[in-house]
Amino acid sequence: MTESLYRPHILDHARNPRNRGVVGAATHGAERANPRCGDRCHVTARVVDSVLEMVRFDGDGCALSTAAASLLSEDAEGKRLGDMIVLTDDAFLELLGVSVTSGRIDCVLLPFTTLKNLRLL
């Protein structure tokens, strides 16, 4: 592990993920997997008037994938779904606050890609 990648806030979100679970009255959902490593991410959300009122994630993933999902779920709540869908990969990576190597980029982007593919349930 490189120090620059596993900073304290990344480790904190990996060990104590926020918003893990499923939205009970979800209006939207998506699931994606990373076939290279086996990580899987399931995102559910309640969207009211185009705003993400509640976002939860579940699945199996490495520390980076879990931390990314946790940080993303916190950031996404209260924002317009359309704004999150057009957010770029680079903007999401800035939210993480770490430099991600090419070998780990798929792990980090999995929750973000899943959120961007939310569909009506």
PDB file of N, CA and C in Angstrom:
ATOM      1  N   MET A   1       0.839  -1.175   0.000  1.00  0.00           N
ATOM      2  CA  MET A   1       0.000   0.000   0.000  1.00  0.00           C
ATOM      3  C   MET A   1       0.888   1.243   0.000  1.00  0.00           C
ATOM      4  N   THR A   2       0.484   2.224  -0.762  1.00  0.00           N
ATOM      5  CA  THR A   2       1.232   3.465  -0.767  1.00  0.00           C
ATOM      6  C   THR A   2       0.581   4.444   0.182  1.00  0.00           C
ATOM      7  N   GLU A   3       1.390   5.208   0.856  1.00  0.00           N
ATOM      8  CA  GLU A   3       0.870   6.155   1.829  1.00  0.00           C
ATOM      9  C   GLU A   3      -0.065   7.166   1.170  1.00  0.00           C
ATOM     10  N   SER A   4       0.265   7.615  -0.038  1.00  0.00           N
ATOM     11  CA  SER A   4      -0.544   8.633  -0.683  1.00  0.00           C
ATOM     12  C   SER A   4      -1.930   8.122  -1.051  1.00  0.00           C
ATOM     13  N   LEU A   5      -2.080   6.827  -1.258  1.00  0.00           N
ATOM     14  CA  LEU A   5      -3.367   6.269  -1.634  1.00  0.00           C
ATOM     15  C   LEU A   5      -4.241   5.969  -0.418  1.00  0.00           C
ATOM     16  N   TYR A   6      -3.648   5.441   0.621  1.00  0.00           N
ATOM     17  CA  TYR A   6      -4.415   5.040   1.805  1.00  0.00           C
ATOM     18  C   TYR A   6      -4.269   6.079   2.912  1.00  0.00           C
ATOM     19  N   ARG A   7      -4.779   7.247   2.646  1.00  0.00           N
ATOM     20  CA  ARG A   7      -4.744   8.326   3.637  1.00  0.00           C
ATOM     21  C   ARG A   7      -5.764   8.041   4.732  1.00  0.00           C
ATOM     22  N   PRO A   8      -5.641   8.730   5.861  1.00  0.00           N
ATOM     23  CA  PRO A   8      -6.534   8.457   6.987  1.00  0.00           C
ATOM     24  C   PRO A   8      -8.029   8.533   6.639  1.00  0.00           C
ATOM     25  N   HIS A   9      -8.445   9.501   5.830  1.00  0.00           N
ATOM     26  CA  HIS A   9      -9.877   9.596   5.528  1.00  0.00           C
ATOM     27  C   HIS A   9     -10.337   8.431   4.648  1.00  0.00           C
ATOM     28  N   ILE A  10      -9.467   7.907   3.796  1.00  0.00           N
ATOM     29  CA  ILE A  10      -9.806   6.736   2.979  1.00  0.00           C
ATOM     30  C   ILE A  10      -9.930   5.509   3.881  1.00  0.00           C
ATOM     31  N   LEU A  11      -8.965   5.319   4.770  1.00  0.00           N
ATOM     32  CA  LEU A  11      -9.023   4.184   5.693  1.00  0.00           C
ATOM     33  C   LEU A  11     -10.238   4.270   6.606  1.00  0.00           C
ATOM     34  N   ASP A  12     -10.573   5.473   7.060  1.00  0.00           N
ATOM     35  CA  ASP A  12     -11.739   5.647   7.919  1.00  0.00           C
ATOM     36  C   ASP A  12     -13.024   5.227   7.198  1.00  0.00           C
ATOM     37  N   HIS A  13     -13.192   5.675   5.958  1.00  0.00           N
ATOM     38  CA  HIS A  13     -14.391   5.309   5.194  1.00  0.00           C
ATOM     39  C   HIS A  13     -14.395   3.822   4.831  1.00  0.00           C
ATOM     40  N   ALA A  14     -13.232   3.233   4.642  1.00  0.00           N
ATOM     41  CA  ALA A  14     -13.160   1.802   4.334  1.00  0.00           C
ATOM     42  C   ALA A  14     -13.515   0.958   5.561  1.00  0.00           C
ATOM     43  N   ARG A  15     -13.056   1.388   6.723  1.00  0.00           N
ATOM     44  CA  ARG A  15     -13.308   0.634   7.955  1.00  0.00           C
ATOM     45  C   ARG A  15     -14.678   0.923   8.551  1.00  0.00           C
ATOM     46  N   ASN A  16     -15.173   2.147   8.348  1.00  0.00           N
ATOM     47  CA  ASN A  16     -16.456   2.581   8.903  1.00  0.00           C
ATOM     48  C   ASN A  16     -17.296   3.225   7.801  1.00  0.00           C
ATOM     49  N   PRO A  17     -17.715   2.432   6.825  1.00  0.00           N
ATOM     50  CA  PRO A  17     -18.433   3.021   5.689  1.00  0.00           C
ATOM     51  C   PRO A  17     -19.750   3.659   6.112  1.00  0.00           C
ATOM     52  N   ARG A  18     -19.985   4.825   5.549  1.00  0.00           N
ATOM     53  CA  ARG A  18     -21.239   5.527   5.794  1.00  0.00           C
ATOM     54  C   ARG A  18     -22.247   5.094   4.731  1.00  0.00           C
ATOM     55  N   ASN A  19     -23.489   5.080   5.110  1.00  0.00           N
ATOM     56  CA  ASN A  19     -24.600   4.819   4.183  1.00  0.00           C
ATOM     57  C   ASN A  19     -24.552   3.436   3.542  1.00  0.00           C
ATOM     58  N   ARG A  20     -24.007   2.469   4.242  1.00  0.00           N
ATOM     59  CA  ARG A  20     -24.029   1.091   3.733  1.00  0.00           C
ATOM     60  C   ARG A  20     -25.415   0.521   4.009  1.00  0.00           C
ATOM     61  N   GLY A  21     -25.988  -0.113   3.008  1.00  0.00           N
ATOM     62  CA  GLY A  21     -27.303  -0.723   3.149  1.00  0.00           C
ATOM     63  C   GLY A  21     -28.134  -0.480   1.906  1.00  0.00           C
ATOM     64  N   VAL A  22     -29.439  -0.586   2.092  1.00  0.00           N
ATOM     65  CA  VAL A  22     -30.380  -0.436   0.984  1.00  0.00           C
ATOM     66  C   VAL A  22     -31.458   0.559   1.398  1.00  0.00           C
ATOM     67  N   VAL A  23     -31.834   1.447   0.487  1.00  0.00           N
ATOM     68  CA  VAL A  23     -32.930   2.386   0.750  1.00  0.00           C
ATOM     69  C   VAL A  23     -34.226   1.586   0.700  1.00  0.00           C
ATOM     70  N   GLY A  24     -34.978   1.620   1.791  1.00  0.00           N
ATOM     71  CA  GLY A  24     -36.221   0.847   1.866  1.00  0.00           C
ATOM     72  C   GLY A  24     -37.270   1.245   0.848  1.00  0.00           C
ATOM     73  N   ALA A  25     -37.440   2.510   0.631  1.00  0.00           N
ATOM     74  CA  ALA A  25     -38.431   3.007  -0.333  1.00  0.00           C
ATOM     75  C   ALA A  25     -37.705   3.591  -1.540  1.00  0.00           C
ATOM     76  N   ALA A  26     -36.775   2.813  -2.088  1.00  0.00           N
ATOM     77  CA  ALA A  26     -35.953   3.289  -3.201  1.00  0.00           C
ATOM     78  C   ALA A  26     -36.798   3.516  -4.450  1.00  0.00           C
ATOM     79  N   THR A  27     -36.472   4.579  -5.150  1.00  0.00           N
ATOM     80  CA  THR A  27     -37.099   4.849  -6.443  1.00  0.00           C
ATOM     81  C   THR A  27     -36.163   4.488  -7.581  1.00  0.00           C
ATOM     82  N   HIS A  28     -34.858   4.418  -7.284  1.00  0.00           N
ATOM     83  CA  HIS A  28     -33.835   4.151  -8.297  1.00  0.00           C
ATOM     84  C   HIS A  28     -32.828   3.129  -7.763  1.00  0.00           C
ATOM     85  N   GLY A  29     -32.220   2.413  -8.683  1.00  0.00           N
ATOM     86  CA  GLY A  29     -31.203   1.451  -8.294  1.00  0.00           C
ATOM     87  C   GLY A  29     -30.325   1.067  -9.472  1.00  0.00           C
ATOM     88  N   ALA A  30     -29.157   0.533  -9.154  1.00  0.00           N
ATOM     89  CA  ALA A  30     -28.233   0.042 -10.178  1.00  0.00           C
ATOM     90  C   ALA A  30     -27.230  -0.882  -9.510  1.00  0.00           C
ATOM     91  N   GLU A  31     -26.696  -1.783 -10.314  1.00  0.00           N
ATOM     92  CA  GLU A  31     -25.650  -2.671  -9.815  1.00  0.00           C
ATOM     93  C   GLU A  31     -24.610  -2.839 -10.910  1.00  0.00           C
ATOM     94  N   ARG A  32     -23.370  -2.823 -10.495  1.00  0.00           N
ATOM     95  CA  ARG A  32     -22.255  -2.993 -11.420  1.00  0.00           C
ATOM     96  C   ARG A  32     -21.212  -3.876 -10.739  1.00  0.00           C
ATOM     97  N   ALA A  33     -20.369  -4.480 -11.564  1.00  0.00           N
ATOM     98  CA  ALA A  33     -19.288  -5.312 -11.047  1.00  0.00           C
ATOM     99  C   ALA A  33     -18.018  -5.028 -11.827  1.00  0.00           C
ATOM    100  N   ASN A  34     -16.902  -5.268 -11.180  1.00  0.00           N
ATOM    101  CA  ASN A  34     -15.597  -5.161 -11.815  1.00  0.00           C
ATOM    102  C   ASN A  34     -15.101  -6.589 -12.037  1.00  0.00           C
ATOM    103  N   PRO A  35     -15.181  -7.095 -13.277  1.00  0.00           N
ATOM    104  CA  PRO A  35     -14.817  -8.487 -13.521  1.00  0.00           C
ATOM    105  C   PRO A  35     -13.343  -8.803 -13.268  1.00  0.00           C
ATOM    106  N   ARG A  36     -12.486  -7.787 -13.286  1.00  0.00           N
ATOM    107  CA  ARG A  36     -11.055  -8.037 -13.067  1.00  0.00           C
ATOM    108  C   ARG A  36     -10.740  -8.447 -11.636  1.00  0.00           C
ATOM    109  N   CYS A  37     -11.470  -7.846 -10.691  1.00  0.00           N
ATOM    110  CA  CYS A  37     -11.139  -8.137  -9.294  1.00  0.00           C
ATOM    111  C   CYS A  37     -12.291  -8.754  -8.508  1.00  0.00           C
ATOM    112  N   GLY A  38     -13.489  -8.731  -9.069  1.00  0.00           N
ATOM    113  CA  GLY A  38     -14.633  -9.311  -8.384  1.00  0.00           C
ATOM    114  C   GLY A  38     -15.412  -8.338  -7.518  1.00  0.00           C
ATOM    115  N   ASP A  39     -14.975  -7.073  -7.439  1.00  0.00           N
ATOM    116  CA  ASP A  39     -15.737  -6.088  -6.672  1.00  0.00           C
ATOM    117  C   ASP A  39     -17.132  -5.953  -7.274  1.00  0.00           C
ATOM    118  N   ARG A  40     -18.126  -5.755  -6.405  1.00  0.00           N
ATOM    119  CA  ARG A  40     -19.508  -5.582  -6.829  1.00  0.00           C
ATOM    120  C   ARG A  40     -20.106  -4.448  -6.019  1.00  0.00           C
ATOM    121  N   CYS A  41     -20.867  -3.584  -6.684  1.00  0.00           N
ATOM    122  CA  CYS A  41     -21.477  -2.438  -6.007  1.00  0.00           C
ATOM    123  C   CYS A  41     -22.943  -2.333  -6.403  1.00  0.00           C
ATOM    124  N   HIS A  42     -23.797  -2.200  -5.412  1.00  0.00           N
ATOM    125  CA  HIS A  42     -25.226  -2.014  -5.613  1.00  0.00           C
ATOM    126  C   HIS A  42     -25.602  -0.693  -4.951  1.00  0.00           C
ATOM    127  N   VAL A  43     -26.201   0.213  -5.711  1.00  0.00           N
ATOM    128  CA  VAL A  43     -26.602   1.520  -5.187  1.00  0.00           C
ATOM    129  C   VAL A  43     -28.111   1.639  -5.299  1.00  0.00           C
ATOM    130  N   THR A  44     -28.746   2.053  -4.217  1.00  0.00           N
ATOM    131  CA  THR A  44     -30.167   2.385  -4.231  1.00  0.00           C
ATOM    132  C   THR A  44     -30.328   3.825  -3.770  1.00  0.00           C
ATOM    133  N   ALA A  45     -31.377   4.467  -4.262  1.00  0.00           N
ATOM    134  CA  ALA A  45     -31.595   5.872  -3.919  1.00  0.00           C
ATOM    135  C   ALA A  45     -33.079   6.188  -3.923  1.00  0.00           C
ATOM    136  N   ARG A  46     -33.423   7.174  -3.126  1.00  0.00           N
ATOM    137  CA  ARG A  46     -34.762   7.756  -3.186  1.00  0.00           C
ATOM    138  C   ARG A  46     -34.586   9.134  -3.811  1.00  0.00           C
ATOM    139  N   VAL A  47     -35.234   9.321  -4.957  1.00  0.00           N
ATOM    140  CA  VAL A  47     -35.154  10.580  -5.692  1.00  0.00           C
ATOM    141  C   VAL A  47     -36.524  11.245  -5.636  1.00  0.00           C
ATOM    142  N   VAL A  48     -36.554  12.471  -5.146  1.00  0.00           N
ATOM    143  CA  VAL A  48     -37.793  13.244  -5.066  1.00  0.00           C
ATOM    144  C   VAL A  48     -37.531  14.584  -5.750  1.00  0.00           C
ATOM    145  N   ASP A  49     -38.375  14.905  -6.720  1.00  0.00           N
ATOM    146  CA  ASP A  49     -38.209  16.146  -7.489  1.00  0.00           C
ATOM    147  C   ASP A  49     -36.787  16.287  -8.028  1.00  0.00           C
ATOM    148  N   SER A  50     -36.259  15.204  -8.545  1.00  0.00           N
ATOM    149  CA  SER A  50     -34.928  15.132  -9.168  1.00  0.00           C
ATOM    150  C   SER A  50     -33.767  15.268  -8.182  1.00  0.00           C
ATOM    151  N   VAL A  51     -34.041  15.257  -6.878  1.00  0.00           N
ATOM    152  CA  VAL A  51     -32.994  15.389  -5.864  1.00  0.00           C
ATOM    153  C   VAL A  51     -32.774  14.045  -5.172  1.00  0.00           C
ATOM    154  N   LEU A  52     -31.508  13.693  -5.019  1.00  0.00           N
ATOM    155  CA  LEU A  52     -31.153  12.464  -4.301  1.00  0.00           C
ATOM    156  C   LEU A  52     -31.364  12.699  -2.808  1.00  0.00           C
ATOM    157  N   GLU A  53     -32.498  12.269  -2.299  1.00  0.00           N
ATOM    158  CA  GLU A  53     -32.802  12.459  -0.872  1.00  0.00           C
ATOM    159  C   GLU A  53     -32.024  11.489  -0.002  1.00  0.00           C
ATOM    160  N   MET A  54     -31.871  10.258  -0.491  1.00  0.00           N
ATOM    161  CA  MET A  54     -31.169   9.243   0.282  1.00  0.00           C
ATOM    162  C   MET A  54     -30.421   8.337  -0.690  1.00  0.00           C
ATOM    163  N   VAL A  55     -29.174   8.026  -0.357  1.00  0.00           N
ATOM    164  CA  VAL A  55     -28.340   7.155  -1.186  1.00  0.00           C
ATOM    165  C   VAL A  55     -27.696   6.120  -0.267  1.00  0.00           C
ATOM    166  N   ARG A  56     -27.811   4.861  -0.666  1.00  0.00           N
ATOM    167  CA  ARG A  56     -27.168   3.781   0.086  1.00  0.00           C
ATOM    168  C   ARG A  56     -26.447   2.869  -0.897  1.00  0.00           C
ATOM    169  N   PHE A  57     -25.398   2.225  -0.428  1.00  0.00           N
ATOM    170  CA  PHE A  57     -24.663   1.281  -1.261  1.00  0.00           C
ATOM    171  C   PHE A  57     -24.469  -0.016  -0.495  1.00  0.00           C
ATOM    172  N   ASP A  58     -24.298  -1.067  -1.254  1.00  0.00           N
ATOM    173  CA  ASP A  58     -24.005  -2.367  -0.681  1.00  0.00           C
ATOM    174  C   ASP A  58     -23.159  -3.121  -1.693  1.00  0.00           C
ATOM    175  N   GLY A  59     -22.569  -4.191  -1.283  1.00  0.00           N
ATOM    176  CA  GLY A  59     -21.770  -4.995  -2.193  1.00  0.00           C
ATOM    177  C   GLY A  59     -20.511  -5.484  -1.531  1.00  0.00           C
ATOM    178  N   ASP A  60     -19.646  -6.030  -2.352  1.00  0.00           N
ATOM    179  CA  ASP A  60     -18.370  -6.555  -1.883  1.00  0.00           C
ATOM    180  C   ASP A  60     -17.264  -5.863  -2.654  1.00  0.00           C
ATOM    181  N   GLY A  61     -16.330  -5.295  -1.925  1.00  0.00           N
ATOM    182  CA  GLY A  61     -15.249  -4.602  -2.610  1.00  0.00           C
ATOM    183  C   GLY A  61     -14.044  -4.415  -1.719  1.00  0.00           C
ATOM    184  N   CYS A  62     -12.977  -4.019  -2.349  1.00  0.00           N
ATOM    185  CA  CYS A  62     -11.742  -3.739  -1.631  1.00  0.00           C
ATOM    186  C   CYS A  62     -11.900  -2.452  -0.814  1.00  0.00           C
ATOM    187  N   ALA A  63     -10.877  -2.123  -0.075  1.00  0.00           N
ATOM    188  CA  ALA A  63     -10.915  -0.927   0.770  1.00  0.00           C
ATOM    189  C   ALA A  63     -11.158   0.339  -0.054  1.00  0.00           C
ATOM    190  N   LEU A  64     -10.530   0.432  -1.214  1.00  0.00           N
ATOM    191  CA  LEU A  64     -10.708   1.632  -2.045  1.00  0.00           C
ATOM    192  C   LEU A  64     -12.128   1.741  -2.596  1.00  0.00           C
ATOM    193  N   SER A  65     -12.680   0.644  -3.048  1.00  0.00           N
ATOM    194  CA  SER A  65     -14.037   0.645  -3.579  1.00  0.00           C
ATOM    195  C   SER A  65     -15.042   1.008  -2.478  1.00  0.00           C
ATOM    196  N   THR A  66     -14.859   0.426  -1.305  1.00  0.00           N
ATOM    197  CA  THR A  66     -15.748   0.712  -0.173  1.00  0.00           C
ATOM    198  C   THR A  66     -15.643   2.172   0.254  1.00  0.00           C
ATOM    199  N   ALA A  67     -14.424   2.675   0.362  1.00  0.00           N
ATOM    200  CA  ALA A  67     -14.228   4.077   0.749  1.00  0.00           C
ATOM    201  C   ALA A  67     -14.837   5.012  -0.292  1.00  0.00           C
ATOM    202  N   ALA A  68     -14.649   4.695  -1.558  1.00  0.00           N
ATOM    203  CA  ALA A  68     -15.202   5.527  -2.624  1.00  0.00           C
ATOM    204  C   ALA A  68     -16.724   5.545  -2.564  1.00  0.00           C
ATOM    205  N   ALA A  69     -17.336   4.398  -2.315  1.00  0.00           N
ATOM    206  CA  ALA A  69     -18.794   4.332  -2.208  1.00  0.00           C
ATOM    207  C   ALA A  69     -19.297   5.139  -1.012  1.00  0.00           C
ATOM    208  N   SER A  70     -18.594   5.036   0.095  1.00  0.00           N
ATOM    209  CA  SER A  70     -18.971   5.771   1.298  1.00  0.00           C
ATOM    210  C   SER A  70     -18.886   7.284   1.075  1.00  0.00           C
ATOM    211  N   LEU A  71     -17.768   7.734   0.546  1.00  0.00           N
ATOM    212  CA  LEU A  71     -17.585   9.165   0.274  1.00  0.00           C
ATOM    213  C   LEU A  71     -18.599   9.667  -0.746  1.00  0.00           C
ATOM    214  N   LEU A  72     -18.837   8.882  -1.777  1.00  0.00           N
ATOM    215  CA  LEU A  72     -19.785   9.268  -2.811  1.00  0.00           C
ATOM    216  C   LEU A  72     -21.197   9.374  -2.261  1.00  0.00           C
ATOM    217  N   SER A  73     -21.601   8.427  -1.446  1.00  0.00           N
ATOM    218  CA  SER A  73     -22.961   8.460  -0.900  1.00  0.00           C
ATOM    219  C   SER A  73     -23.173   9.695  -0.029  1.00  0.00           C
ATOM    220  N   GLU A  74     -22.163  10.056   0.746  1.00  0.00           N
ATOM    221  CA  GLU A  74     -22.273  11.271   1.559  1.00  0.00           C
ATOM    222  C   GLU A  74     -22.376  12.518   0.686  1.00  0.00           C
ATOM    223  N   ASP A  75     -21.555  12.572  -0.342  1.00  0.00           N
ATOM    224  CA  ASP A  75     -21.524  13.743  -1.206  1.00  0.00           C
ATOM    225  C   ASP A  75     -22.787  13.876  -2.052  1.00  0.00           C
ATOM    226  N   ALA A  76     -23.343  12.762  -2.483  1.00  0.00           N
ATOM    227  CA  ALA A  76     -24.469  12.784  -3.427  1.00  0.00           C
ATOM    228  C   ALA A  76     -25.794  13.198  -2.790  1.00  0.00           C
ATOM    229  N   GLU A  77     -25.991  12.865  -1.531  1.00  0.00           N
ATOM    230  CA  GLU A  77     -27.269  13.187  -0.891  1.00  0.00           C
ATOM    231  C   GLU A  77     -27.512  14.690  -0.905  1.00  0.00           C
ATOM    232  N   GLY A  78     -28.706  15.056  -1.362  1.00  0.00           N
ATOM    233  CA  GLY A  78     -29.089  16.457  -1.433  1.00  0.00           C
ATOM    234  C   GLY A  78     -28.787  17.111  -2.770  1.00  0.00           C
ATOM    235  N   LYS A  79     -28.085  16.394  -3.622  1.00  0.00           N
ATOM    236  CA  LYS A  79     -27.759  16.947  -4.942  1.00  0.00           C
ATOM    237  C   LYS A  79     -28.754  16.447  -5.984  1.00  0.00           C
ATOM    238  N   ARG A  80     -28.824  17.168  -7.085  1.00  0.00           N
ATOM    239  CA  ARG A  80     -29.703  16.769  -8.182  1.00  0.00           C
ATOM    240  C   ARG A  80     -29.099  15.558  -8.896  1.00  0.00           C
ATOM    241  N   LEU A  81     -29.938  14.583  -9.192  1.00  0.00           N
ATOM    242  CA  LEU A  81     -29.488  13.383  -9.871  1.00  0.00           C
ATOM    243  C   LEU A  81     -28.811  13.737 -11.187  1.00  0.00           C
ATOM    244  N   GLY A  82     -29.382  14.649 -11.939  1.00  0.00           N
ATOM    245  CA  GLY A  82     -28.795  15.049 -13.217  1.00  0.00           C
ATOM    246  C   GLY A  82     -27.404  15.629 -13.072  1.00  0.00           C
ATOM    247  N   ASP A  83     -27.152  16.364 -11.991  1.00  0.00           N
ATOM    248  CA  ASP A  83     -25.819  16.927 -11.755  1.00  0.00           C
ATOM    249  C   ASP A  83     -24.806  15.831 -11.454  1.00  0.00           C
ATOM    250  N   MET A  84     -25.225  14.798 -10.751  1.00  0.00           N
ATOM    251  CA  MET A  84     -24.314  13.697 -10.433  1.00  0.00           C
ATOM    252  C   MET A  84     -24.016  12.864 -11.678  1.00  0.00           C
ATOM    253  N   ILE A  85     -25.005  12.700 -12.538  1.00  0.00           N
ATOM    254  CA  ILE A  85     -24.825  11.882 -13.741  1.00  0.00           C
ATOM    255  C   ILE A  85     -23.826  12.518 -14.700  1.00  0.00           C
ATOM    256  N   VAL A  86     -23.795  13.840 -14.771  1.00  0.00           N
ATOM    257  CA  VAL A  86     -22.869  14.499 -15.702  1.00  0.00           C
ATOM    258  C   VAL A  86     -21.516  14.818 -15.074  1.00  0.00           C
ATOM    259  N   LEU A  87     -21.352  14.530 -13.789  1.00  0.00           N
ATOM    260  CA  LEU A  87     -20.073  14.740 -13.114  1.00  0.00           C
ATOM    261  C   LEU A  87     -19.006  13.867 -13.783  1.00  0.00           C
ATOM    262  N   THR A  88     -17.830  14.413 -13.960  1.00  0.00           N
ATOM    263  CA  THR A  88     -16.763  13.672 -14.639  1.00  0.00           C
ATOM    264  C   THR A  88     -16.010  12.770 -13.658  1.00  0.00           C
ATOM    265  N   ASP A  89     -15.328  11.791 -14.225  1.00  0.00           N
ATOM    266  CA  ASP A  89     -14.480  10.917 -13.408  1.00  0.00           C
ATOM    267  C   ASP A  89     -13.457  11.742 -12.645  1.00  0.00           C
ATOM    268  N   ASP A  90     -12.853  12.721 -13.306  1.00  0.00           N
ATOM    269  CA  ASP A  90     -11.839  13.555 -12.656  1.00  0.00           C
ATOM    270  C   ASP A  90     -12.417  14.331 -11.475  1.00  0.00           C
ATOM    271  N   ALA A  91     -13.632  14.834 -11.625  1.00  0.00           N
ATOM    272  CA  ALA A  91     -14.273  15.566 -10.519  1.00  0.00           C
ATOM    273  C   ALA A  91     -14.518  14.628  -9.339  1.00  0.00           C
ATOM    274  N   PHE A  92     -14.924  13.396  -9.629  1.00  0.00           N
ATOM    275  CA  PHE A  92     -15.128  12.433  -8.549  1.00  0.00           C
ATOM    276  C   PHE A  92     -13.797  12.096  -7.873  1.00  0.00           C
ATOM    277  N   LEU A  93     -12.748  11.935  -8.658  1.00  0.00           N
ATOM    278  CA  LEU A  93     -11.439  11.626  -8.085  1.00  0.00           C
ATOM    279  C   LEU A  93     -10.951  12.762  -7.192  1.00  0.00           C
ATOM    280  N   GLU A  94     -11.288  13.991  -7.517  1.00  0.00           N
ATOM    281  CA  GLU A  94     -10.941  15.127  -6.653  1.00  0.00           C
ATOM    282  C   GLU A  94     -11.626  15.009  -5.300  1.00  0.00           C
ATOM    283  N   LEU A  95     -12.864  14.522  -5.305  1.00  0.00           N
ATOM    284  CA  LEU A  95     -13.601  14.322  -4.052  1.00  0.00           C
ATOM    285  C   LEU A  95     -12.847  13.366  -3.126  1.00  0.00           C
ATOM    286  N   LEU A  96     -12.230  12.347  -3.701  1.00  0.00           N
ATOM    287  CA  LEU A  96     -11.482  11.388  -2.889  1.00  0.00           C
ATOM    288  C   LEU A  96     -10.235  11.995  -2.271  1.00  0.00           C
ATOM    289  N   GLY A  97      -9.628  12.924  -2.977  1.00  0.00           N
ATOM    290  CA  GLY A  97      -8.463  13.603  -2.442  1.00  0.00           C
ATOM    291  C   GLY A  97      -7.190  12.785  -2.447  1.00  0.00           C
ATOM    292  N   VAL A  98      -7.120  11.776  -3.299  1.00  0.00           N
ATOM    293  CA  VAL A  98      -5.905  10.965  -3.412  1.00  0.00           C
ATOM    294  C   VAL A  98      -5.595  10.724  -4.886  1.00  0.00           C
ATOM    295  N   SER A  99      -4.335  10.444  -5.158  1.00  0.00           N
ATOM    296  CA  SER A  99      -3.933  10.046  -6.506  1.00  0.00           C
ATOM    297  C   SER A  99      -4.124   8.545  -6.626  1.00  0.00           C
ATOM    298  N   VAL A 100      -4.812   8.140  -7.681  1.00  0.00           N
ATOM    299  CA  VAL A 100      -5.117   6.724  -7.861  1.00  0.00           C
ATOM    300  C   VAL A 100      -4.305   6.189  -9.030  1.00  0.00           C
ATOM    301  N   THR A 101      -3.640   5.076  -8.810  1.00  0.00           N
ATOM    302  CA  THR A 101      -2.853   4.463  -9.871  1.00  0.00           C
ATOM    303  C   THR A 101      -3.765   3.822 -10.911  1.00  0.00           C
ATOM    304  N   SER A 102      -3.237   3.628 -12.098  1.00  0.00           N
ATOM    305  CA  SER A 102      -4.037   3.048 -13.177  1.00  0.00           C
ATOM    306  C   SER A 102      -4.531   1.643 -12.821  1.00  0.00           C
ATOM    307  N   GLY A 103      -3.796   0.934 -12.011  1.00  0.00           N
ATOM    308  CA  GLY A 103      -4.204  -0.403 -11.600  1.00  0.00           C
ATOM    309  C   GLY A 103      -5.364  -0.421 -10.619  1.00  0.00           C
ATOM    310  N   ARG A 104      -5.647   0.713  -9.982  1.00  0.00           N
ATOM    311  CA  ARG A 104      -6.716   0.771  -8.980  1.00  0.00           C
ATOM    312  C   ARG A 104      -7.877   1.667  -9.395  1.00  0.00           C
ATOM    313  N   ILE A 105      -7.783   2.278 -10.554  1.00  0.00           N
ATOM    314  CA  ILE A 105      -8.807   3.231 -10.979  1.00  0.00           C
ATOM    315  C   ILE A 105     -10.176   2.576 -11.110  1.00  0.00           C
ATOM    316  N   ASP A 106     -10.231   1.343 -11.600  1.00  0.00           N
ATOM    317  CA  ASP A 106     -11.519   0.662 -11.744  1.00  0.00           C
ATOM    318  C   ASP A 106     -12.185   0.414 -10.391  1.00  0.00           C
ATOM    319  N   CYS A 107     -11.381   0.133  -9.377  1.00  0.00           N
ATOM    320  CA  CYS A 107     -11.922  -0.073  -8.025  1.00  0.00           C
ATOM    321  C   CYS A 107     -12.577   1.204  -7.503  1.00  0.00           C
ATOM    322  N   VAL A 108     -11.886   2.300  -7.694  1.00  0.00           N
ATOM    323  CA  VAL A 108     -12.355   3.586  -7.181  1.00  0.00           C
ATOM    324  C   VAL A 108     -13.570   4.093  -7.958  1.00  0.00           C
ATOM    325  N   LEU A 109     -13.593   3.875  -9.253  1.00  0.00           N
ATOM    326  CA  LEU A 109     -14.688   4.395 -10.076  1.00  0.00           C
ATOM    327  C   LEU A 109     -15.932   3.512 -10.081  1.00  0.00           C
ATOM    328  N   LEU A 110     -15.836   2.287  -9.582  1.00  0.00           N
ATOM    329  CA  LEU A 110     -16.994   1.387  -9.602  1.00  0.00           C
ATOM    330  C   LEU A 110     -18.234   1.985  -8.938  1.00  0.00           C
ATOM    331  N   PRO A 111     -18.171   2.508  -7.710  1.00  0.00           N
ATOM    332  CA  PRO A 111     -19.376   3.094  -7.118  1.00  0.00           C
ATOM    333  C   PRO A 111     -19.894   4.302  -7.915  1.00  0.00           C
ATOM    334  N   PHE A 112     -18.984   5.106  -8.426  1.00  0.00           N
ATOM    335  CA  PHE A 112     -19.363   6.287  -9.200  1.00  0.00           C
ATOM    336  C   PHE A 112     -20.079   5.879 -10.488  1.00  0.00           C
ATOM    337  N   THR A 113     -19.534   4.899 -11.185  1.00  0.00           N
ATOM    338  CA  THR A 113     -20.165   4.396 -12.407  1.00  0.00           C
ATOM    339  C   THR A 113     -21.541   3.808 -12.091  1.00  0.00           C
ATOM    340  N   THR A 114     -21.645   3.125 -10.975  1.00  0.00           N
ATOM    341  CA  THR A 114     -22.926   2.540 -10.576  1.00  0.00           C
ATOM    342  C   THR A 114     -23.955   3.645 -10.324  1.00  0.00           C
ATOM    343  N   LEU A 115     -23.566   4.665  -9.578  1.00  0.00           N
ATOM    344  CA  LEU A 115     -24.484   5.771  -9.309  1.00  0.00           C
ATOM    345  C   LEU A 115     -24.918   6.454 -10.606  1.00  0.00           C
ATOM    346  N   LYS A 116     -23.998   6.618 -11.526  1.00  0.00           N
ATOM    347  CA  LYS A 116     -24.322   7.286 -12.787  1.00  0.00           C
ATOM    348  C   LYS A 116     -25.283   6.460 -13.649  1.00  0.00           C
ATOM    349  N   ASN A 117     -25.455   5.185 -13.308  1.00  0.00           N
ATOM    350  CA  ASN A 117     -26.356   4.313 -14.062  1.00  0.00           C
ATOM    351  C   ASN A 117     -27.649   4.018 -13.328  1.00  0.00           C
ATOM    352  N   LEU A 118     -27.995   4.837 -12.324  1.00  0.00           N
ATOM    353  CA  LEU A 118     -29.254   4.631 -11.610  1.00  0.00           C
ATOM    354  C   LEU A 118     -30.432   4.673 -12.577  1.00  0.00           C
ATOM    355  N   ARG A 119     -31.355   3.758 -12.371  1.00  0.00           N
ATOM    356  CA  ARG A 119     -32.562   3.673 -13.184  1.00  0.00           C
ATOM    357  C   ARG A 119     -33.768   3.574 -12.277  1.00  0.00           C
ATOM    358  N   LEU A 120     -34.912   3.945 -12.787  1.00  0.00           N
ATOM    359  CA  LEU A 120     -36.159   3.796 -12.032  1.00  0.00           C
ATOM    360  C   LEU A 120     -36.377   2.336 -11.680  1.00  0.00           C
ATOM    361  N   LEU A 121     -36.843   2.089 -10.489  1.00  0.00           N
ATOM    362  CA  LEU A 121     -37.162   0.721 -10.071  1.00  0.00           C
ATOM    363  C   LEU A 121     -38.610   0.415 -10.394  1.00  0.00           C
TER     364      LEU A 121
END
